[in-house]
């Protein structure tokens, strides 16, 4: 059984583009990401009934669809889903049940505890939520009611194979600049519904949180990511004190690039508001 992803961005169709996408999302060793010429991609989209549209800003909107294809090349199941982190567990269970019969010996479905039906976690109402930071400094972090934040949503399980500490450390550099310029303070958010085994991930992320000045919280239900329309991991969101999305970015950023982009976004917002 092999996981194949298909490119839906004709503006970034080169092998170097998809390799960079896989690398920045820590997926290079976890999947095969297929691409081709714009004509080839459009033919595959048409064959598999995938709708793709590019906005004037360069964002790509497309059908979120997963096909289960058997060893003989026949389509066995199709899943179309909305982007919902709160539903990740249930969707993973449905995929596992569809894939199981295609594997030798029809293995029994075995999911890690808590993989499906994630219902725990703070409620998120109109962008308001309160979460406790993990690690040695369990401070309370409130969203949507006190002051603006820079949220960085990430998947802790990927840190087992990649340099998660290196990816998150620029947040501390940004925090210094934020304190100097009165910018929104950073918060790292681990998306627990994406974690294969939560306990294993916590054993990695909690010690990491102890090395960061930036608070690290857990979105146990996925509702916080859903509210802030997180489209990928990692994903940056600059939100106002009322919870309004002011800027977002897909993929890791270095400290200088992060400070530059936030400064540009805030300047643009201030200009529009004046």
Protein backbone atom coordinates (compact mmCIF):
# COMPACT_ATOMS: atom_id res chain seq x y z
CA UNK A 1 0.00 0.00 0.00
CA UNK A 2 1.43 3.37 -1.01
CA UNK A 3 0.31 6.94 -0.32
CA UNK A 4 0.32 9.11 -3.44
CA UNK A 5 -0.40 12.83 -3.51
CA UNK A 6 -1.28 14.70 -6.71
CA UNK A 7 -0.27 18.28 -7.39
CA UNK A 8 -3.15 20.73 -7.94
CA UNK A 9 -1.08 23.87 -8.52
CA UNK A 10 -0.07 24.45 -12.14
CA UNK A 11 1.93 27.50 -11.05
CA UNK A 12 4.24 25.21 -9.07
CA UNK A 13 4.37 22.08 -11.18
CA UNK A 14 8.13 21.52 -11.36
CA UNK A 15 9.71 18.64 -9.45
CA UNK A 16 11.68 21.20 -7.45
CA UNK A 17 8.40 22.87 -6.42
CA UNK A 18 6.75 19.71 -5.10
CA UNK A 19 10.01 18.59 -3.45
CA UNK A 20 10.16 21.93 -1.64
CA UNK A 21 6.50 21.56 -0.60
CA UNK A 22 7.16 18.09 0.81
CA UNK A 23 10.28 19.29 2.59
CA UNK A 24 8.72 22.36 4.21
CA UNK A 25 5.80 20.26 5.52
CA UNK A 26 8.09 17.48 6.79
CA UNK A 27 6.48 14.94 4.42
CA UNK A 28 9.42 14.04 2.20
CA UNK A 29 9.85 10.57 3.68
CA UNK A 30 6.13 9.90 4.18
CA UNK A 31 4.56 10.08 0.71
CA UNK A 32 5.12 10.29 -3.03
CA UNK A 33 3.92 13.59 -4.48
CA UNK A 34 3.19 13.34 -8.22
CA UNK A 35 3.38 16.22 -10.67
CA UNK A 36 3.66 16.86 -14.40
CA UNK A 37 3.08 19.49 -17.06
CA UNK A 38 -0.04 21.67 -16.71
CA UNK A 39 -1.68 19.71 -19.54
CA UNK A 40 -0.89 16.36 -17.86
CA UNK A 41 -2.18 17.55 -14.49
CA UNK A 42 -5.40 18.92 -15.96
CA UNK A 43 -6.02 15.60 -17.74
CA UNK A 44 -5.68 13.68 -14.45
CA UNK A 45 -7.95 16.17 -12.66
CA UNK A 46 -10.55 15.65 -15.36
CA UNK A 47 -10.24 11.85 -15.23
CA UNK A 48 -10.69 11.82 -11.45
CA UNK A 49 -13.35 14.57 -11.33
CA UNK A 50 -11.21 17.00 -9.33
CA UNK A 51 -12.26 20.65 -9.40
CA UNK A 52 -9.31 23.09 -9.26
CA UNK A 53 -9.43 26.88 -9.27
CA UNK A 54 -6.74 29.51 -8.62
CA UNK A 55 -7.75 32.81 -7.02
CA UNK A 56 -6.27 36.17 -8.13
CA UNK A 57 -4.12 36.09 -4.96
CA UNK A 58 -2.58 32.78 -6.03
CA UNK A 59 -4.44 30.56 -3.53
CA UNK A 60 -5.59 27.20 -4.89
CA UNK A 61 -9.07 25.86 -4.19
CA UNK A 62 -9.70 22.23 -5.10
CA UNK A 63 -11.80 19.19 -4.38
CA UNK A 64 -10.47 17.30 -1.35
CA UNK A 65 -10.78 13.69 -2.46
CA UNK A 66 -9.09 10.40 -1.59
CA UNK A 67 -9.31 7.33 -3.83
CA UNK A 68 -8.61 3.81 -2.59
CA UNK A 69 -7.28 1.83 -5.57
CA UNK A 70 -6.84 -1.93 -5.37
CA UNK A 71 -3.82 -3.99 -6.51
CA UNK A 72 -5.45 -4.60 -9.91
CA UNK A 73 -5.86 -0.86 -10.50
CA UNK A 74 -9.60 -0.71 -9.89
CA UNK A 75 -11.14 2.06 -7.83
CA UNK A 76 -12.48 0.51 -4.60
CA UNK A 77 -13.65 3.52 -2.58
CA UNK A 78 -13.85 7.30 -2.79
CA UNK A 79 -13.83 9.80 0.06
CA UNK A 80 -14.53 13.51 -0.35
CA UNK A 81 -14.07 15.56 2.80
CA UNK A 82 -14.05 19.13 3.98
CA UNK A 83 -10.97 20.46 5.76
CA UNK A 84 -11.88 19.62 9.37
CA UNK A 85 -9.30 18.82 12.03
CA UNK A 86 -12.08 17.90 14.44
CA UNK A 87 -13.06 15.05 12.09
CA UNK A 88 -9.55 13.65 11.48
CA UNK A 89 -10.02 10.65 13.79
CA UNK A 90 -13.30 9.56 12.23
CA UNK A 91 -11.95 10.06 8.72
CA UNK A 92 -8.83 8.00 9.53
CA UNK A 93 -11.02 5.20 10.85
CA UNK A 94 -13.13 5.22 7.67
CA UNK A 95 -9.99 5.07 5.51
CA UNK A 96 -8.54 2.22 7.58
CA UNK A 97 -11.75 0.22 7.23
CA UNK A 98 -11.68 0.71 3.44
CA UNK A 99 -7.99 -0.18 3.11
CA UNK A 100 -7.99 -3.23 5.42
CA UNK A 101 -9.76 -5.66 3.03
CA UNK A 102 -7.20 -4.86 0.31
CA UNK A 103 -4.25 -6.01 2.43
CA UNK A 104 -3.05 -9.65 2.67
CA UNK A 105 -4.90 -11.63 5.28
CA UNK A 106 -7.61 -9.01 5.87
CA UNK A 107 -5.94 -7.67 9.05
CA UNK A 108 -8.25 -6.62 11.85
CA UNK A 109 -8.70 -2.89 12.24
CA UNK A 110 -6.53 -1.65 15.09
CA UNK A 111 -6.43 2.06 15.85
CA UNK A 112 -4.42 3.70 18.64
CA UNK A 113 -6.49 4.75 21.68
CA UNK A 114 -8.10 8.12 21.02
CA UNK A 115 -7.42 8.03 17.27
CA UNK A 116 -11.10 8.50 16.50
CA UNK A 117 -13.96 10.45 18.04
CA UNK A 118 -11.82 13.25 19.47
CA UNK A 119 -14.29 15.19 21.63
CA UNK A 120 -12.05 16.54 24.40
CA UNK A 121 -10.45 19.96 24.44
CA UNK A 122 -11.48 23.54 25.02
CA UNK A 123 -14.64 24.84 23.42
CA UNK A 124 -14.15 27.44 20.69
CA UNK A 125 -16.98 29.98 20.41
CA UNK A 126 -16.56 32.95 18.05
CA UNK A 127 -12.81 32.46 18.18
CA UNK A 128 -12.68 32.50 21.97
CA UNK A 129 -10.82 29.69 23.74
CA UNK A 130 -8.59 29.21 26.76
CA UNK A 131 -5.81 26.60 26.74
CA UNK A 132 -3.09 25.73 29.24
CA UNK A 133 0.50 25.72 28.01
CA UNK A 134 2.33 22.42 28.39
CA UNK A 135 5.81 22.12 29.89
CA UNK A 136 7.28 23.63 33.07
CA UNK A 137 5.34 26.89 32.83
CA UNK A 138 1.63 25.94 32.58
CA UNK A 139 0.31 29.44 31.93
CA UNK A 140 -3.19 30.04 30.62
CA UNK A 141 -3.39 31.30 27.03
CA UNK A 142 -6.65 32.96 25.99
CA UNK A 143 -7.64 33.58 22.39
CA UNK A 144 -10.21 35.97 20.96
CA UNK A 145 -10.76 38.10 24.06
CA UNK A 146 -7.55 39.66 25.37
CA UNK A 147 -4.90 40.60 22.81
CA UNK A 148 -3.79 39.52 19.33
CA UNK A 149 -1.64 36.44 18.77
CA UNK A 150 0.53 34.84 16.15
CA UNK A 151 -0.54 31.19 16.14
CA UNK A 152 1.59 28.46 14.60
CA UNK A 153 -0.29 25.20 14.11
CA UNK A 154 1.99 22.16 13.76
CA UNK A 155 2.01 18.35 13.96
CA UNK A 156 4.21 17.17 16.81
CA UNK A 157 4.51 13.60 15.50
CA UNK A 158 6.59 14.79 12.56
CA UNK A 159 9.29 15.86 15.00
CA UNK A 160 10.23 12.22 15.52
CA UNK A 161 11.90 12.23 12.10
CA UNK A 162 12.63 15.93 11.57
CA UNK A 163 14.07 18.93 13.37
CA UNK A 164 10.94 20.21 15.08
CA UNK A 165 13.06 22.13 17.59
CA UNK A 166 14.78 23.92 14.71
CA UNK A 167 11.43 24.70 13.06
CA UNK A 168 9.86 26.13 16.23
CA UNK A 169 12.89 28.01 17.56
CA UNK A 170 12.36 31.04 15.22
CA UNK A 171 9.24 31.79 17.29
CA UNK A 172 11.49 32.82 20.18
CA UNK A 173 13.40 35.14 17.86
CA UNK A 174 10.13 36.60 16.65
CA UNK A 175 8.97 36.98 20.29
CA UNK A 176 11.91 39.30 20.97
CA UNK A 177 10.96 41.49 17.99
CA UNK A 178 7.29 41.34 19.01
CA UNK A 179 8.10 42.63 22.48
CA UNK A 180 10.18 45.44 21.02
CA UNK A 181 7.55 46.56 18.47
CA UNK A 182 4.37 45.64 20.39
CA UNK A 183 3.41 42.96 17.85
CA UNK A 184 1.11 40.00 18.58
CA UNK A 185 2.81 37.43 20.82
CA UNK A 186 3.47 33.93 19.42
CA UNK A 187 1.82 30.67 20.51
CA UNK A 188 2.61 27.22 19.09
CA UNK A 189 -0.40 24.90 18.73
CA UNK A 190 0.03 21.13 18.43
CA UNK A 191 -2.86 19.58 16.46
CA UNK A 192 -3.54 16.49 18.56
CA UNK A 193 -6.19 14.98 16.21
CA UNK A 194 -3.39 14.45 13.66
CA UNK A 195 -1.19 12.54 16.13
CA UNK A 196 -1.03 8.74 15.60
CA UNK A 197 -0.28 8.13 19.30
CA UNK A 198 -0.79 11.16 21.53
CA UNK A 199 1.35 9.83 24.40
CA UNK A 200 4.34 9.29 22.10
CA UNK A 201 4.03 12.80 20.71
CA UNK A 202 3.75 14.35 24.16
CA UNK A 203 6.95 12.61 25.21
CA UNK A 204 8.65 14.54 22.40
CA UNK A 205 6.82 17.88 22.52
CA UNK A 206 6.72 18.45 26.30
CA UNK A 207 10.54 18.41 26.71
CA UNK A 208 10.77 20.64 23.62
CA UNK A 209 8.29 23.10 25.16
CA UNK A 210 10.62 23.41 28.14
CA UNK A 211 13.34 24.83 25.87
CA UNK A 212 11.11 27.51 24.30
CA UNK A 213 10.08 30.91 25.58
CA UNK A 214 7.03 30.66 23.32
CA UNK A 215 4.11 28.85 24.99
CA UNK A 216 3.04 25.54 23.42
CA UNK A 217 -0.60 24.47 23.72
CA UNK A 218 -2.60 21.49 22.45
CA UNK A 219 -5.68 21.71 20.24
CA UNK A 220 -7.15 18.42 21.46
CA UNK A 221 -10.43 18.63 19.56
CA UNK A 222 -9.27 20.32 16.36
CA UNK A 223 -11.89 23.03 16.80
CA UNK A 224 -9.35 25.83 17.18
CA UNK A 225 -7.74 24.90 13.84
CA UNK A 226 -11.17 24.67 12.24
CA UNK A 227 -12.13 28.14 13.46
CA UNK A 228 -8.92 29.69 12.14
CA UNK A 229 -9.36 27.85 8.81
CA UNK A 230 -6.03 26.06 9.02
CA UNK A 231 -5.44 24.54 5.58
CA UNK A 232 -2.19 22.67 6.19
CA UNK A 233 0.49 21.95 8.79
CA UNK A 234 2.51 23.93 9.64
CA UNK A 235 0.25 26.97 9.29
CA UNK A 236 0.71 30.50 10.67
CA UNK A 237 -2.28 32.68 11.61
CA UNK A 238 -2.08 36.29 12.76
CA UNK A 239 -5.30 36.99 14.65
CA UNK A 240 -6.73 40.12 16.25
CA UNK A 241 -7.78 40.36 19.89
CA UNK A 242 -11.34 39.56 18.74
CA UNK A 243 -10.21 36.43 16.89
CA UNK A 244 -10.32 37.86 13.37
CA UNK A 245 -7.79 36.42 10.89
CA UNK A 246 -5.45 39.20 9.75
CA UNK A 247 -2.81 37.15 7.88
CA UNK A 248 -1.86 33.50 7.31
CA UNK A 249 1.01 31.54 5.81
CA UNK A 250 1.49 27.91 4.76
CA UNK A 251 4.86 26.31 5.67
CA UNK A 252 7.71 27.04 8.07
CA UNK A 253 9.33 30.50 8.18
CA UNK A 254 12.73 31.59 9.48
CA UNK A 255 12.74 34.24 12.22
CA UNK A 256 13.71 37.14 9.93
CA UNK A 257 11.12 36.18 7.28
CA UNK A 258 8.46 35.75 9.97
CA UNK A 259 9.15 39.19 11.47
CA UNK A 260 9.19 40.77 8.01
CA UNK A 261 5.88 39.21 6.95
CA UNK A 262 4.12 40.09 10.21
CA UNK A 263 5.42 43.68 10.00
CA UNK A 264 4.14 43.94 6.41
CA UNK A 265 0.75 42.47 7.34
CA UNK A 266 0.30 44.83 10.30
CA UNK A 267 1.35 47.85 8.23
CA UNK A 268 -1.21 46.90 5.57
CA UNK A 269 -3.94 46.47 8.21
CA UNK A 270 -3.10 49.79 9.85
CA UNK A 271 -3.14 51.53 6.46
CA UNK A 272 -6.59 50.11 5.65
CA UNK A 273 -7.89 51.14 9.05
CA UNK A 274 -6.64 54.72 8.80
